[in-house]
Amino acid sequence: MDKKKWAPSQEDNLGIITSVYEHIKDKLSELQKETECPDSFIFDFIGNIQNEWHPNSCHSLVRNKKKEQLNWIVLVKKRYCLKAN
């Protein structure tokens, strides 16, 4: 896996990142309105999700391993197709 620090493009920031950010905020507001939970619950809830994305978490390691496996499969298929032609 590439260990370089990733930075989003301006297009990403103004597009998908802003869109997802607003969607998450809307969903958290919906959760709070429906359950009447306090801000502290939302804060802890977000923290639990954040922990799943920590680079050393099991969830993150599995996601990255799956990406590596898919990349390897694609590479093998490409090589096989080139040899077949």
N, C-alpha and C. Protein backbone atom coordinates (compact mmCIF):
# COMPACT_ATOMS: atom_id res chain seq x y z
N MET A 1 0.83 -1.18 0.00
CA MET A 1 0.00 0.00 0.00
C MET A 1 0.87 1.24 0.00
N ASP A 2 0.47 2.26 -0.73
CA ASP A 2 1.21 3.50 -0.82
C ASP A 2 1.07 4.27 0.49
N LYS A 3 2.20 4.59 1.11
CA LYS A 3 2.20 5.26 2.42
C LYS A 3 2.24 6.78 2.31
N LYS A 4 2.25 7.33 1.09
CA LYS A 4 2.27 8.77 0.93
C LYS A 4 1.02 9.40 1.53
N LYS A 5 1.17 10.63 1.99
CA LYS A 5 0.02 11.35 2.54
C LYS A 5 -0.89 11.74 1.39
N TRP A 6 -2.12 11.30 1.48
CA TRP A 6 -3.11 11.57 0.45
C TRP A 6 -3.77 12.91 0.71
N ALA A 7 -4.04 13.65 -0.34
CA ALA A 7 -4.76 14.91 -0.23
C ALA A 7 -5.81 14.96 -1.34
N PRO A 8 -7.02 15.37 -1.02
CA PRO A 8 -8.06 15.43 -2.04
C PRO A 8 -7.81 16.59 -3.01
N SER A 9 -8.30 16.40 -4.21
CA SER A 9 -8.23 17.49 -5.18
C SER A 9 -9.28 18.54 -4.82
N GLN A 10 -9.16 19.70 -5.41
CA GLN A 10 -10.16 20.74 -5.19
C GLN A 10 -11.52 20.26 -5.70
N GLU A 11 -11.51 19.55 -6.81
CA GLU A 11 -12.75 19.01 -7.37
C GLU A 11 -13.40 18.04 -6.38
N ASP A 12 -12.59 17.16 -5.77
CA ASP A 12 -13.11 16.24 -4.75
C ASP A 12 -13.69 17.00 -3.56
N ASN A 13 -12.95 18.02 -3.10
CA ASN A 13 -13.41 18.82 -1.96
C ASN A 13 -14.74 19.49 -2.23
N LEU A 14 -14.88 20.04 -3.41
CA LEU A 14 -16.10 20.77 -3.75
C LEU A 14 -17.23 19.84 -4.18
N GLY A 15 -16.89 18.60 -4.49
CA GLY A 15 -17.90 17.66 -4.98
C GLY A 15 -18.26 16.60 -3.96
N ILE A 16 -17.71 15.42 -4.14
CA ILE A 16 -18.10 14.25 -3.35
C ILE A 16 -17.84 14.44 -1.86
N ILE A 17 -16.74 15.08 -1.47
CA ILE A 17 -16.44 15.23 -0.05
C ILE A 17 -17.46 16.13 0.63
N THR A 18 -17.78 17.25 0.02
CA THR A 18 -18.79 18.14 0.58
C THR A 18 -20.15 17.44 0.62
N SER A 19 -20.47 16.73 -0.43
CA SER A 19 -21.75 16.02 -0.51
C SER A 19 -21.88 14.97 0.60
N VAL A 20 -20.86 14.17 0.79
CA VAL A 20 -20.89 13.13 1.82
C VAL A 20 -20.92 13.77 3.21
N TYR A 21 -20.15 14.81 3.42
CA TYR A 21 -20.13 15.52 4.69
C TYR A 21 -21.53 16.02 5.05
N GLU A 22 -22.20 16.66 4.10
CA GLU A 22 -23.55 17.17 4.35
C GLU A 22 -24.54 16.02 4.59
N HIS A 23 -24.38 14.94 3.85
CA HIS A 23 -25.26 13.78 4.02
C HIS A 23 -25.10 13.18 5.42
N ILE A 24 -23.87 13.04 5.87
CA ILE A 24 -23.62 12.50 7.20
C ILE A 24 -24.23 13.40 8.27
N LYS A 25 -24.01 14.71 8.14
CA LYS A 25 -24.60 15.64 9.11
C LYS A 25 -26.11 15.55 9.13
N ASP A 26 -26.73 15.45 7.95
CA ASP A 26 -28.19 15.32 7.87
C ASP A 26 -28.67 14.05 8.55
N LYS A 27 -27.96 12.94 8.31
CA LYS A 27 -28.35 11.66 8.92
C LYS A 27 -28.17 11.68 10.43
N LEU A 28 -27.12 12.33 10.91
CA LEU A 28 -26.92 12.44 12.35
C LEU A 28 -28.00 13.31 12.98
N SER A 29 -28.40 14.36 12.31
CA SER A 29 -29.49 15.21 12.80
C SER A 29 -30.80 14.43 12.83
N GLU A 30 -31.02 13.62 11.80
CA GLU A 30 -32.21 12.76 11.74
C GLU A 30 -32.20 11.76 12.90
N LEU A 31 -31.05 11.14 13.16
CA LEU A 31 -30.92 10.20 14.26
C LEU A 31 -31.23 10.87 15.59
N GLN A 32 -30.67 12.06 15.78
CA GLN A 32 -30.87 12.78 17.03
C GLN A 32 -32.33 13.21 17.20
N LYS A 33 -32.93 13.64 16.12
CA LYS A 33 -34.33 14.08 16.19
C LYS A 33 -35.25 12.90 16.51
N GLU A 34 -35.00 11.77 15.87
CA GLU A 34 -35.87 10.60 16.05
C GLU A 34 -35.69 9.95 17.42
N THR A 35 -34.46 9.93 17.93
CA THR A 35 -34.19 9.24 19.19
C THR A 35 -34.12 10.18 20.39
N GLU A 36 -34.01 11.49 20.11
CA GLU A 36 -33.84 12.50 21.15
C GLU A 36 -32.58 12.25 21.99
N CYS A 37 -31.57 11.69 21.35
CA CYS A 37 -30.31 11.42 22.05
C CYS A 37 -29.52 12.72 22.20
N PRO A 38 -28.68 12.78 23.22
CA PRO A 38 -27.87 14.00 23.43
C PRO A 38 -26.69 14.08 22.46
N ASP A 39 -26.13 15.26 22.36
CA ASP A 39 -24.95 15.46 21.51
C ASP A 39 -23.83 14.51 21.90
N SER A 40 -23.71 14.21 23.19
CA SER A 40 -22.63 13.32 23.63
C SER A 40 -22.76 11.93 23.01
N PHE A 41 -24.00 11.46 22.80
CA PHE A 41 -24.18 10.17 22.14
C PHE A 41 -23.71 10.24 20.69
N ILE A 42 -24.09 11.31 20.00
CA ILE A 42 -23.67 11.48 18.60
C ILE A 42 -22.15 11.54 18.54
N PHE A 43 -21.53 12.26 19.45
CA PHE A 43 -20.08 12.38 19.50
C PHE A 43 -19.44 11.00 19.67
N ASP A 44 -19.92 10.22 20.61
CA ASP A 44 -19.38 8.87 20.84
C ASP A 44 -19.65 7.96 19.64
N PHE A 45 -20.82 8.10 19.04
CA PHE A 45 -21.21 7.32 17.87
C PHE A 45 -20.24 7.56 16.71
N ILE A 46 -19.95 8.84 16.47
CA ILE A 46 -19.01 9.20 15.41
C ILE A 46 -17.61 8.66 15.74
N GLY A 47 -17.25 8.70 17.03
CA GLY A 47 -15.96 8.17 17.45
C GLY A 47 -15.82 6.69 17.16
N ASN A 48 -16.91 5.94 17.38
CA ASN A 48 -16.89 4.51 17.07
C ASN A 48 -16.68 4.26 15.58
N ILE A 49 -17.34 5.06 14.76
CA ILE A 49 -17.16 4.94 13.31
C ILE A 49 -15.73 5.33 12.94
N GLN A 50 -15.24 6.40 13.53
CA GLN A 50 -13.88 6.87 13.25
C GLN A 50 -12.86 5.78 13.58
N ASN A 51 -13.07 5.07 14.68
CA ASN A 51 -12.15 4.01 15.07
C ASN A 51 -12.07 2.90 14.03
N GLU A 52 -13.18 2.64 13.34
CA GLU A 52 -13.18 1.61 12.30
C GLU A 52 -12.30 2.01 11.10
N TRP A 53 -12.03 3.30 10.96
CA TRP A 53 -11.23 3.79 9.84
C TRP A 53 -9.79 4.09 10.23
N HIS A 54 -9.43 3.84 11.50
CA HIS A 54 -8.04 4.01 11.91
C HIS A 54 -7.18 3.06 11.08
N PRO A 55 -6.04 3.50 10.56
CA PRO A 55 -5.22 2.66 9.68
C PRO A 55 -4.83 1.30 10.27
N ASN A 56 -4.77 1.19 11.60
CA ASN A 56 -4.39 -0.07 12.22
C ASN A 56 -5.57 -0.89 12.73
N SER A 57 -6.80 -0.42 12.47
CA SER A 57 -7.97 -1.17 12.94
C SER A 57 -8.18 -2.41 12.08
N CYS A 58 -8.84 -3.38 12.66
CA CYS A 58 -9.14 -4.61 11.91
C CYS A 58 -9.95 -4.30 10.66
N HIS A 59 -10.91 -3.40 10.79
CA HIS A 59 -11.76 -3.03 9.64
C HIS A 59 -10.91 -2.44 8.51
N SER A 60 -10.01 -1.55 8.85
CA SER A 60 -9.16 -0.92 7.86
C SER A 60 -8.21 -1.93 7.21
N LEU A 61 -7.62 -2.78 8.03
CA LEU A 61 -6.70 -3.79 7.50
C LEU A 61 -7.41 -4.73 6.54
N VAL A 62 -8.64 -5.13 6.88
CA VAL A 62 -9.41 -6.02 6.01
C VAL A 62 -9.77 -5.31 4.71
N ARG A 63 -10.22 -4.04 4.81
CA ARG A 63 -10.55 -3.28 3.59
C ARG A 63 -9.34 -3.19 2.66
N ASN A 64 -8.19 -2.87 3.23
CA ASN A 64 -6.98 -2.71 2.41
C ASN A 64 -6.53 -4.05 1.84
N LYS A 65 -6.67 -5.12 2.60
CA LYS A 65 -6.30 -6.45 2.11
C LYS A 65 -7.19 -6.83 0.93
N LYS A 66 -8.49 -6.53 1.03
CA LYS A 66 -9.41 -6.82 -0.07
C LYS A 66 -9.03 -6.02 -1.32
N LYS A 67 -8.65 -4.76 -1.12
CA LYS A 67 -8.21 -3.94 -2.26
C LYS A 67 -6.99 -4.55 -2.93
N GLU A 68 -6.03 -4.98 -2.11
CA GLU A 68 -4.81 -5.60 -2.64
C GLU A 68 -5.14 -6.87 -3.41
N GLN A 69 -6.05 -7.67 -2.87
CA GLN A 69 -6.43 -8.91 -3.54
C GLN A 69 -7.13 -8.62 -4.87
N LEU A 70 -8.02 -7.62 -4.87
CA LEU A 70 -8.70 -7.27 -6.12
C LEU A 70 -7.71 -6.75 -7.16
N ASN A 71 -6.76 -5.94 -6.72
CA ASN A 71 -5.74 -5.43 -7.64
C ASN A 71 -4.92 -6.58 -8.22
N TRP A 72 -4.59 -7.56 -7.38
CA TRP A 72 -3.83 -8.71 -7.83
C TRP A 72 -4.63 -9.53 -8.84
N ILE A 73 -5.92 -9.72 -8.58
CA ILE A 73 -6.79 -10.48 -9.50
C ILE A 73 -6.87 -9.77 -10.85
N VAL A 74 -7.04 -8.47 -10.83
CA VAL A 74 -7.10 -7.69 -12.07
C VAL A 74 -5.80 -7.82 -12.84
N LEU A 75 -4.68 -7.74 -12.14
CA LEU A 75 -3.37 -7.86 -12.78
C LEU A 75 -3.21 -9.24 -13.42
N VAL A 76 -3.58 -10.28 -12.71
CA VAL A 76 -3.48 -11.64 -13.25
C VAL A 76 -4.37 -11.80 -14.47
N LYS A 77 -5.58 -11.28 -14.41
CA LYS A 77 -6.50 -11.38 -15.55
C LYS A 77 -5.94 -10.64 -16.76
N LYS A 78 -5.37 -9.47 -16.54
CA LYS A 78 -4.78 -8.70 -17.64
C LYS A 78 -3.63 -9.49 -18.28
N ARG A 79 -2.78 -10.05 -17.45
CA ARG A 79 -1.65 -10.83 -17.97
C ARG A 79 -2.14 -12.05 -18.74
N TYR A 80 -3.15 -12.72 -18.22
CA TYR A 80 -3.70 -13.91 -18.86
C TYR A 80 -4.30 -13.53 -20.21
N CYS A 81 -5.03 -12.43 -20.26
CA CYS A 81 -5.66 -11.99 -21.52
C CYS A 81 -4.60 -11.62 -22.54
N LEU A 82 -3.52 -10.98 -22.09
CA LEU A 82 -2.44 -10.62 -23.02
C LEU A 82 -1.78 -11.87 -23.58
N LYS A 83 -1.58 -12.89 -22.74
CA LYS A 83 -0.97 -14.14 -23.21
C LYS A 83 -1.90 -14.88 -24.15
N ALA A 84 -3.20 -14.81 -23.91
CA ALA A 84 -4.18 -15.53 -24.71
C ALA A 84 -4.28 -14.93 -26.10
N ASN A 85 -3.99 -13.65 -26.23
CA ASN A 85 -4.10 -12.97 -27.53
C ASN A 85 -2.83 -13.16 -28.25
